[in-house]
Protein backbone atom coordinates (compact mmCIF):
# COMPACT_ATOMS: atom_id res chain seq x y z
CA MET A 1 111.52 83.68 140.74
CA THR A 2 110.73 79.96 140.77
CA SER A 3 107.44 78.25 141.55
CA THR A 4 106.99 76.16 144.66
CA PRO A 5 106.35 72.40 144.52
CA SER A 6 102.81 71.21 144.58
CA PRO A 7 101.21 70.26 147.92
CA ARG A 8 100.43 67.03 146.20
CA PRO A 9 103.90 65.81 145.06
CA ASP A 10 102.51 62.56 143.69
CA ARG A 11 100.28 64.60 141.23
CA TYR A 12 103.18 66.91 140.33
CA ARG A 13 105.50 63.80 139.69
CA ALA A 14 102.77 62.31 137.57
CA ALA A 15 102.53 65.53 135.51
CA GLU A 16 106.33 65.54 135.04
CA GLN A 17 106.28 61.84 133.98
CA PHE A 18 103.58 62.53 131.43
CA LEU A 19 105.49 65.26 129.84
CA ASP A 20 108.87 63.39 130.07
CA GLY A 21 107.26 60.50 128.31
CA ARG A 22 106.68 62.46 125.13
CA ILE A 23 109.07 62.83 122.17
CA ASN A 24 111.33 65.73 123.15
CA TYR A 25 113.64 67.01 120.44
CA GLU A 26 115.45 69.25 122.97
CA ARG A 27 116.90 66.13 124.45
CA ALA A 28 117.24 63.92 121.31
CA ARG A 29 120.73 63.08 119.91
CA THR A 30 119.54 63.96 116.49
CA VAL A 31 116.80 66.35 115.66
CA PRO A 32 115.02 65.73 112.33
CA TYR A 33 113.31 68.76 110.83
CA HIS A 34 110.82 67.99 108.18
CA ALA A 35 107.06 67.64 107.71
CA ARG A 36 106.88 64.19 109.22
CA ASN A 37 108.34 65.30 112.60
CA PHE A 38 107.51 69.02 112.68
CA LYS A 39 103.98 69.54 111.28
CA LEU A 40 101.58 72.35 112.19
CA ASP A 41 98.56 70.16 111.26
CA ARG A 42 99.24 68.08 114.35
CA MET A 43 99.54 71.24 116.56
CA ARG A 44 96.37 72.69 115.05
CA ALA A 45 94.60 69.38 115.70
CA LEU A 46 95.64 69.43 119.30
CA LEU A 47 94.55 73.11 119.75
CA GLY A 48 91.22 72.24 118.11
CA ARG A 49 90.53 69.65 120.71
CA LEU A 50 91.30 72.18 123.36
CA GLY A 51 89.04 74.96 122.03
CA HIS A 52 91.66 76.82 119.88
CA PRO A 53 93.10 79.07 122.70
CA GLU A 54 95.47 80.58 120.09
CA GLN A 55 92.55 82.24 118.41
CA ARG A 56 91.55 84.05 121.60
CA LEU A 57 94.91 85.80 122.29
CA PRO A 58 96.54 88.84 120.90
CA ILE A 59 100.06 87.78 120.30
CA VAL A 60 103.51 89.09 119.53
CA HIS A 61 105.57 86.40 117.88
CA VAL A 62 109.46 86.44 118.10
CA ALA A 63 111.89 84.36 116.04
CA GLY A 64 115.58 84.58 115.30
CA THR A 65 118.85 82.78 115.73
CA LYS A 66 119.94 84.71 118.72
CA GLY A 67 118.36 87.32 120.90
CA LYS A 68 114.80 86.11 120.52
CA GLY A 69 114.42 85.10 124.21
CA SER A 70 115.89 88.39 125.43
CA THR A 71 113.71 90.43 122.94
CA ALA A 72 110.60 88.53 124.03
CA ALA A 73 111.37 89.17 127.67
CA MET A 74 111.94 92.86 127.03
CA LEU A 75 108.62 93.20 125.19
CA ALA A 76 106.73 91.39 128.00
CA ALA A 77 108.46 93.62 130.63
CA VAL A 78 107.45 96.87 128.89
CA LEU A 79 103.90 95.63 128.26
CA SER A 80 103.52 94.63 131.92
CA ALA A 81 104.90 98.08 132.94
CA SER A 82 102.30 99.60 130.56
CA GLY A 83 99.50 97.97 132.65
CA TYR A 84 98.78 95.08 130.33
CA ARG A 85 98.45 91.61 131.84
CA THR A 86 101.14 90.01 129.76
CA GLY A 87 101.95 86.35 129.12
CA LEU A 88 105.51 85.20 128.08
CA PHE A 89 106.26 81.84 126.53
CA THR A 90 110.01 81.04 126.25
CA SER A 91 112.27 78.00 126.00
CA PRO A 92 114.18 76.13 127.23
CA HIS A 93 113.79 76.24 130.98
CA LEU A 94 116.68 76.24 133.41
CA ASP A 95 115.27 74.60 136.52
CA ARG A 96 111.46 73.95 136.19
CA VAL A 97 109.21 73.69 133.18
CA GLU A 98 106.96 76.28 134.85
CA GLU A 99 109.45 78.92 133.88
CA ARG A 100 108.44 78.67 130.27
CA MET A 101 105.02 80.25 130.91
CA CYS A 102 105.02 83.47 132.91
CA ILE A 103 102.46 86.11 133.52
CA ASP A 104 103.76 89.51 134.41
CA GLY A 105 107.10 87.92 135.36
CA ARG A 106 105.58 85.21 137.61
CA PRO A 107 106.10 81.62 136.41
CA CYS A 108 103.15 79.28 136.25
CA SER A 109 102.74 77.62 139.68
CA ALA A 110 103.21 73.90 140.30
CA ASP A 111 99.47 73.53 140.99
CA GLU A 112 98.66 75.37 137.69
CA LEU A 113 101.06 73.04 135.88
CA VAL A 114 99.34 69.98 137.14
CA ALA A 115 95.95 71.36 136.22
CA LEU A 116 97.15 72.19 132.74
CA VAL A 117 98.60 68.75 132.20
CA GLU A 118 95.32 67.11 133.41
CA ARG A 119 93.46 69.37 130.88
CA VAL A 120 95.54 68.44 127.87
CA ARG A 121 96.01 64.74 128.76
CA PRO A 122 92.71 63.53 127.33
CA ALA A 123 93.31 65.38 123.99
CA VAL A 124 96.79 63.90 123.70
CA ALA A 125 95.51 60.40 124.47
CA ALA A 126 92.85 60.75 121.89
CA MET A 127 95.40 61.79 119.25
CA ASP A 128 97.71 59.06 120.26
CA GLU A 129 94.99 56.58 119.79
CA ALA A 130 93.90 57.95 116.48
CA GLY A 131 97.56 57.86 115.16
CA ARG A 132 98.44 54.53 116.54
CA ASP A 133 98.06 52.78 113.16
CA PRO A 134 100.21 53.07 111.12
CA ASP A 135 102.33 55.78 112.71
CA PRO A 136 102.51 55.04 116.54
CA ASP A 137 105.10 57.63 117.39
CA ARG A 138 103.55 60.77 115.83
CA GLY A 139 101.29 61.97 118.67
CA PRO A 140 101.86 65.42 120.08
CA THR A 141 105.44 66.05 121.11
CA TYR A 142 106.75 67.53 124.36
CA PHE A 143 107.15 70.97 122.90
CA GLU A 144 103.72 70.98 121.21
CA ILE A 145 102.09 69.98 124.49
CA ILE A 146 103.93 72.66 126.42
CA THR A 147 103.05 75.28 123.76
CA ALA A 148 99.30 74.27 124.07
CA MET A 149 99.48 74.42 127.87
CA ALA A 150 101.04 77.89 127.80
CA LEU A 151 98.25 79.11 125.49
CA LEU A 152 95.58 77.58 127.75
CA HIS A 153 97.29 79.14 130.70
CA PHE A 154 97.27 82.61 129.22
CA VAL A 155 93.66 82.32 128.12
CA GLY A 156 92.58 81.08 131.44
CA ALA A 157 94.36 83.97 133.25
CA GLU A 158 92.73 86.47 130.77
CA VAL A 159 96.00 88.07 129.72
CA ASP A 160 95.66 91.10 127.49
CA LEU A 161 98.68 90.07 125.28
CA ALA A 162 100.95 87.19 125.03
CA VAL A 163 104.59 87.17 123.68
CA LEU A 164 105.61 83.82 122.14
CA GLU A 165 109.20 82.98 121.50
CA VAL A 166 109.79 80.43 118.64
CA GLY A 167 111.39 77.18 119.74
CA LEU A 168 113.22 76.01 116.58
CA GLY A 169 113.28 77.77 113.18
CA GLY A 170 109.97 79.29 112.56
CA ARG A 171 108.15 77.89 109.58
CA LEU A 172 107.39 74.52 111.26
CA ASP A 173 107.63 75.62 114.86
CA SER A 174 104.65 74.78 117.16
CA THR A 175 104.12 78.46 117.98
CA ASN A 176 103.58 79.19 114.32
CA VAL A 177 99.81 78.60 114.49
CA CYS A 178 99.01 82.12 115.67
CA ARG A 179 98.02 85.19 113.78
CA PRO A 180 99.95 87.75 115.74
CA GLU A 181 99.62 91.52 116.11
CA VAL A 182 103.36 91.98 115.26
CA SER A 183 106.03 89.52 114.23
CA VAL A 184 109.75 90.03 115.13
CA ILE A 185 112.77 88.46 113.51
CA THR A 186 115.80 89.31 115.67
CA SER A 187 118.87 88.04 113.82
CA ILE A 188 120.10 85.32 111.46
CA SER A 189 123.33 83.46 112.03
CA LEU A 190 124.44 79.84 111.61
CA ASP A 191 122.95 77.45 114.11
CA HIS A 192 120.89 74.31 113.90
CA THR A 193 122.29 73.94 110.35
CA ALA A 194 121.31 70.22 110.08
CA GLN A 195 117.74 71.27 110.50
CA LEU A 196 117.45 74.75 109.09
CA GLY A 197 120.02 74.82 106.35
CA ASP A 198 123.81 75.53 105.99
CA THR A 199 123.50 79.08 104.58
CA LEU A 200 122.27 82.31 106.15
CA GLU A 201 119.74 82.64 103.31
CA ALA A 202 118.26 79.17 103.99
CA ILE A 203 118.06 79.84 107.73
CA ALA A 204 116.40 83.29 106.95
CA ARG A 205 113.65 81.45 104.96
CA GLU A 206 112.92 79.19 107.76
CA LYS A 207 112.73 82.08 110.32
CA ALA A 208 110.63 84.20 107.86
CA GLY A 209 108.13 81.40 107.98
CA ILE A 210 106.50 83.23 110.87
CA VAL A 211 105.52 86.16 108.56
CA LYS A 212 101.76 86.35 108.16
CA PRO A 213 99.89 88.20 105.33
CA GLY A 214 99.38 91.83 106.23
CA ILE A 215 100.95 91.54 109.65
CA PRO A 216 103.81 93.97 110.26
CA VAL A 217 107.29 92.54 110.71
CA VAL A 218 110.07 94.15 112.72
CA SER A 219 113.51 92.85 111.57
CA GLY A 220 116.97 93.04 113.08
CA VAL A 221 118.47 91.16 110.12
CA THR A 222 121.26 93.28 108.58
CA GLU A 223 123.40 90.80 106.61
CA PRO A 224 122.65 91.47 102.91
CA GLY A 225 121.80 87.87 101.84
CA PRO A 226 119.31 87.04 104.59
CA ARG A 227 117.89 90.47 104.67
CA GLU A 228 116.92 90.13 101.07
CA VAL A 229 115.07 86.85 101.90
CA VAL A 230 113.12 88.55 104.68
CA ARG A 231 112.28 91.46 102.40
CA GLU A 232 111.13 88.98 99.67
CA VAL A 233 108.91 86.94 101.98
CA CYS A 234 107.37 90.17 103.41
CA ALA A 235 106.70 91.50 99.85
CA VAL A 236 105.02 88.28 98.72
CA ARG A 237 102.78 88.17 101.66
CA GLY A 238 101.98 91.84 101.84
CA SER A 239 103.51 92.32 105.25
CA PRO A 240 104.74 95.76 106.17
CA LEU A 241 108.50 95.58 107.05
CA VAL A 242 110.32 97.71 109.54
CA GLU A 243 114.11 97.16 109.49
CA LEU A 244 116.97 98.02 111.75
CA ARG A 245 119.46 100.43 110.27
CA THR A 246 116.84 101.44 107.65
CA ASP A 247 113.65 102.42 109.44
CA PHE A 248 115.06 102.80 113.00
CA ASP A 249 118.47 102.86 114.60
CA PHE A 250 120.09 103.26 117.98
CA GLU A 251 123.38 104.14 119.63
CA TYR A 252 124.76 102.20 122.59
CA SER A 253 126.69 103.53 125.61
CA PRO A 254 128.29 100.60 127.52
CA PRO A 255 128.60 100.73 131.30
CA GLN A 256 131.89 102.25 132.45
CA GLY A 257 134.43 101.23 134.99
CA LEU A 258 132.96 97.82 135.75
CA GLU A 259 135.46 95.51 137.31
CA TRP A 260 133.31 92.71 138.71
CA ALA A 261 129.62 93.44 138.06
CA ALA A 262 127.91 94.79 135.01
CA GLY A 263 125.39 97.58 135.49
CA PRO A 264 123.09 98.81 132.77
CA GLY A 265 124.23 100.21 129.53
CA LYS A 266 122.06 102.72 127.79
CA ILE A 267 120.71 103.36 124.32
CA ASP A 268 119.38 106.19 122.30
CA PHE A 269 116.61 105.07 119.94
CA ARG A 270 115.54 106.84 116.79
CA ARG A 271 112.76 106.17 114.38
CA PRO A 272 112.51 109.08 112.01
CA GLY A 273 108.95 110.10 111.06
CA SER A 274 107.30 108.12 113.79
CA ASP A 275 105.82 111.15 115.84
CA ASP A 276 107.52 111.17 119.22
CA TRP A 277 108.84 107.53 119.26
CA THR A 278 112.38 108.64 119.99
CA PHE A 279 114.19 107.89 123.29
CA ARG A 280 117.41 108.99 124.98
CA ASP A 281 119.39 107.34 127.80
CA VAL A 282 117.17 104.18 128.08
CA ALA A 283 118.84 101.98 130.64
CA VAL A 284 118.88 98.25 129.58
CA GLY A 285 118.85 95.78 132.49
CA LEU A 286 120.32 92.97 130.31
CA VAL A 287 124.03 93.46 129.74
CA GLY A 288 125.97 93.78 126.52
CA ARG A 289 125.92 95.46 123.13
CA HIS A 290 123.86 92.62 121.64
CA GLN A 291 121.20 93.31 124.26
CA ALA A 292 121.12 96.91 123.19
CA THR A 293 120.22 95.60 119.74
CA ASN A 294 117.51 93.49 121.22
CA ALA A 295 116.16 96.48 123.16
CA ALA A 296 115.99 98.57 120.02
CA LEU A 297 114.00 95.79 118.22
CA ALA A 298 111.65 95.66 121.24
CA ILE A 299 111.02 99.40 121.10
CA ALA A 300 110.35 99.23 117.32
CA ALA A 301 107.87 96.36 117.90
CA LEU A 302 106.17 98.36 120.52
CA ASP A 303 105.79 101.20 118.09
CA GLU A 304 104.01 98.78 115.72
CA LEU A 305 101.80 97.73 118.55
CA ARG A 306 101.00 101.39 119.29
CA HIS A 307 99.88 101.81 115.65
CA ARG A 308 97.62 98.76 115.94
CA GLY A 309 95.67 100.22 119.02
CA TRP A 310 97.84 99.18 121.96
CA PRO A 311 99.01 102.32 123.76
CA VAL A 312 102.41 102.12 125.43
CA PRO A 313 103.39 105.04 127.67
CA ARG A 314 106.89 106.36 127.17
CA ALA A 315 107.68 105.94 130.82
CA SER A 316 106.93 102.18 130.61
CA VAL A 317 109.69 101.77 128.05
CA TYR A 318 112.21 103.16 130.44
CA ASP A 319 110.76 101.19 133.41
CA GLY A 320 110.41 97.84 131.60
CA LEU A 321 113.74 97.73 129.86
CA ALA A 322 115.57 98.87 133.04
CA GLY A 323 113.98 96.14 135.13
CA VAL A 324 114.14 93.18 132.87
CA ARG A 325 116.24 90.27 134.05
CA LEU A 326 116.93 86.79 132.53
CA PRO A 327 119.00 84.01 134.08
CA ALA A 328 121.98 82.80 132.10
CA ARG A 329 122.11 85.92 129.96
CA PHE A 330 125.54 87.31 131.08
CA GLU A 331 124.38 86.65 134.61
CA VAL A 332 126.94 87.70 137.22
CA ILE A 333 126.22 85.49 140.16
CA ALA A 334 129.34 86.10 142.27
CA ARG A 335 132.49 88.23 142.67
CA ARG A 336 136.02 87.72 143.97
CA PRO A 337 136.38 85.94 141.66
CA THR A 338 133.72 87.22 139.30
CA ILE A 339 131.52 84.32 138.05
CA VAL A 340 129.53 84.89 134.85
CA ILE A 341 127.12 82.32 133.54
CA ASP A 342 125.87 82.69 129.93
CA GLY A 343 123.96 80.36 127.71
CA ALA A 344 125.77 81.36 124.48
CA HIS A 345 125.82 78.23 122.21
CA ASN A 346 126.77 79.44 118.65
CA VAL A 347 129.57 81.37 117.07
CA ALA A 348 127.58 84.63 116.97
CA SER A 349 126.48 84.50 120.59
CA ILE A 350 129.98 83.58 121.75
CA ALA A 351 131.37 86.63 119.88
CA SER A 352 128.80 88.81 121.73
CA LEU A 353 129.70 87.24 125.05
CA ILE A 354 133.45 88.00 124.49
CA GLY A 355 132.63 91.47 123.44
CA THR A 356 130.62 92.09 126.58
CA ILE A 357 133.48 90.74 128.79
CA ASP A 358 135.91 93.00 127.00
CA GLU A 359 133.68 96.09 127.64
CA SER A 360 132.81 95.24 131.23
CA PHE A 361 135.96 93.71 132.89
CA SER A 362 139.62 94.53 132.77
CA ARG A 363 141.43 93.10 135.74
CA GLY A 364 142.75 89.58 136.36
CA ARG A 365 142.92 86.47 134.33
CA ARG A 366 140.00 84.90 132.56
CA TRP A 367 139.00 81.23 133.11
CA LEU A 368 136.61 79.35 130.84
CA LEU A 369 134.37 76.46 131.91
CA PHE A 370 132.92 75.06 128.69
CA GLY A 371 130.52 72.32 127.61
CA THR A 372 128.29 72.22 124.63
CA THR A 373 125.91 70.17 122.35
CA LEU A 374 126.52 67.71 119.70
CA ASP A 375 125.00 69.67 116.73
CA LYS A 376 126.95 72.96 117.46
CA ASP A 377 129.96 74.53 115.69
CA VAL A 378 132.40 73.50 118.36
CA ARG A 379 135.46 74.47 116.38
CA GLY A 380 134.07 77.95 115.68
CA MET A 381 133.14 78.58 119.20
CA LEU A 382 136.41 77.35 120.70
CA ARG A 383 138.44 79.30 118.12
CA LEU A 384 137.06 82.50 119.57
CA LEU A 385 136.98 81.45 123.17
CA LEU A 386 140.55 80.06 123.50
CA ALA A 387 141.93 83.26 122.12
CA ALA A 388 140.07 85.26 124.79
CA PHE A 389 140.65 83.20 127.93
CA ASP A 390 143.86 82.38 129.82
CA GLY A 391 142.82 78.91 130.64
CA ALA A 392 139.94 76.40 130.28
CA VAL A 393 138.29 73.31 131.80
CA PHE A 394 136.05 71.25 129.50
CA THR A 395 133.10 69.29 130.91
CA ARG A 396 129.71 68.01 129.97
CA TYR A 397 126.24 68.54 131.45
CA SER A 398 124.45 65.49 132.91
CA ASN A 399 120.87 66.65 132.26
CA ASN A 400 120.67 65.89 128.59
CA PRO A 401 122.27 63.06 126.46
CA ARG A 402 123.25 65.50 123.64
CA ALA A 403 126.41 66.76 125.48
CA VAL A 404 129.61 66.65 123.60
CA PRO A 405 132.27 64.45 125.47
CA PRO A 406 134.78 66.75 127.16
CA GLU A 407 137.68 64.64 125.70
CA GLN A 408 136.40 65.53 122.21
CA LEU A 409 136.43 69.21 123.27
CA ARG A 410 139.98 68.98 124.46
CA ALA A 411 141.06 67.27 121.28
CA THR A 412 139.58 70.06 119.24
CA ALA A 413 141.32 72.63 121.39
CA VAL A 414 144.70 70.92 120.82
CA GLU A 415 144.06 70.96 117.11
CA LEU A 416 143.25 74.71 117.23
CA THR A 417 145.95 75.91 119.62
CA GLY A 418 148.35 73.16 120.33
CA ARG A 419 147.55 73.42 124.00
CA ALA A 420 145.88 70.81 126.20
CA HIS A 421 143.31 71.83 128.78
CA ARG A 422 141.88 70.11 131.80
CA VAL A 423 138.94 67.73 131.31
CA CYS A 424 136.36 66.79 133.95
CA ASP A 425 133.49 64.42 133.12
CA ARG A 426 131.39 65.78 135.86
CA ALA A 427 130.35 69.47 136.09
CA ALA A 428 130.90 69.41 139.90
CA ASP A 429 134.51 68.36 139.37
CA ALA A 430 135.05 70.94 136.73
CA TRP A 431 133.75 73.65 139.04
CA ARG A 432 136.10 72.64 141.87
CA THR A 433 139.07 72.53 139.41
CA ILE A 434 138.53 75.90 137.91
CA ARG A 435 137.56 77.56 141.21
CA ALA A 436 140.88 76.34 142.77
CA GLN A 437 142.80 78.12 139.92
CA ALA A 438 141.02 81.46 140.04
CA ALA A 439 142.39 84.35 142.08
CA PRO A 440 140.05 86.90 143.65
CA ASP A 441 140.54 89.46 140.85
CA ASP A 442 139.98 86.83 138.14
CA LEU A 443 136.91 86.08 136.09
CA ILE A 444 135.29 82.55 135.52
CA CYS A 445 132.91 82.29 132.63
CA VAL A 446 130.67 79.25 132.25
CA THR A 447 129.19 79.02 128.78
CA GLY A 448 128.39 76.75 125.71
CA SER A 449 124.85 75.57 126.54
CA PHE A 450 121.73 76.47 128.50
CA PHE A 451 121.83 72.95 129.83
CA LEU A 452 125.34 73.52 131.23
CA ALA A 453 124.13 76.97 132.52
CA ALA A 454 121.24 75.37 134.34
CA GLU A 455 123.43 72.71 136.02
CA MET A 456 126.12 75.06 136.98
CA ARG A 457 123.75 77.72 138.33
CA ALA A 458 122.31 75.16 140.71
CA LEU A 459 125.80 73.85 141.58
CA VAL A 460 127.44 77.23 142.16
CA GLY A 461 124.39 78.42 143.98
CA LYS A 462 124.77 75.67 146.63
CA THR A 463 128.35 76.87 147.28
CA LEU A 464 127.08 80.44 148.01
CA GLU A 465 124.00 79.51 150.07
CA LYS A 466 125.83 80.16 153.41
CA ARG A 467 126.92 83.61 152.33
CA GLU A 468 124.83 86.76 152.07
CA PRO A 469 122.19 86.90 149.38
CA GLY A 470 122.69 88.66 146.13
CA ILE A 471 125.99 88.92 144.31
CA GLN A 472 128.34 86.97 146.46
CA ASP A 473 132.02 86.75 147.38
CA GLY A 474 132.96 83.36 145.95
């Protein structure tokens, strides 16, 4: 669901221009990650000028290399199904910034966004002025402002609980000013290595920066090295730790017989010794074995919330997980040919994507439409993808300057496989090229970046507008 434009488009454009004028590391060619650029003191100062909304919200805080957005959405869906008014803060957005701050599945409206910008603008201006000499570019950043706006939005709407997804890392992330009810670390894999470190252990230490003294932590980290880091941080801070494969576990039953559209898989969840918190045949609305893992983490985190005084009816677990939907997470948007759009952008998430395709589709050829971002492991992703697809078209997204040139992608592919693939500098041309090659029983997968996913969802959607709503014949 997307919000409608403001009745006063001039005010909405002014709000967009204000946000777009801030330092935005999501769109920067290089992303520094150190205390000069990412500093919680600046975020705390901004929130202080706004009355410290983070101190008036019960929060579930979710970090991780992959799966954190899906896990956060699952938690929010179950909490809403339980009768709690629930806020959800995620990033990035696909179409409109309002998507980042939802209440019970409804994005912030355009009018609400304008009001929030007008509320934070004086505080930002005051901090800009205070920091003008000698450090003129160190006022609040885009993400810090959006985070503050989300917290204000949730407080103003009197939500019962808010689920916050970390933006980058954890230790220095703008969301890490909260004292949550429960913290969740979904997984650790190599991504953003220039900022977070080039080993799993270093990345785990950044992610574990969200651990707060005495606050329970639910962890999906199973690799021995990073798992030990999370254990160490929790022990030092006196935070109870609940671990996948140690304190809880699950089994996954993938959907069967799916040729063009993926229905729900199901999980059985077990947590020995935790009264009746065991579930069988829980349908998961998000598709894939990796989403089953995320669902298990969400169920374990909900158990921790129960123990902290937040009742969660068993039926709400079934209803919430079955109904959760997220765009660009193995999103099947058309059939004949099947068109899947997925925001996978690192080696681990690409591996999960390929595994989901293998489990869910069997007929026809597979076509890849790929574009990605400058700081990603392009070789690692393409090594997996090119072995799993029959043909590829490389492109770039136009909505962010960090896109890898498609000629560079083709050169890497030639190095890996000796085979050249088509290159299109514009996503629209890439779509026309790959669509012309695909037969009705084939599959087209668009992946490599959420920025590409956003552009292609809009582009492909326009080609389907004249057909029946829902999953379409392409």
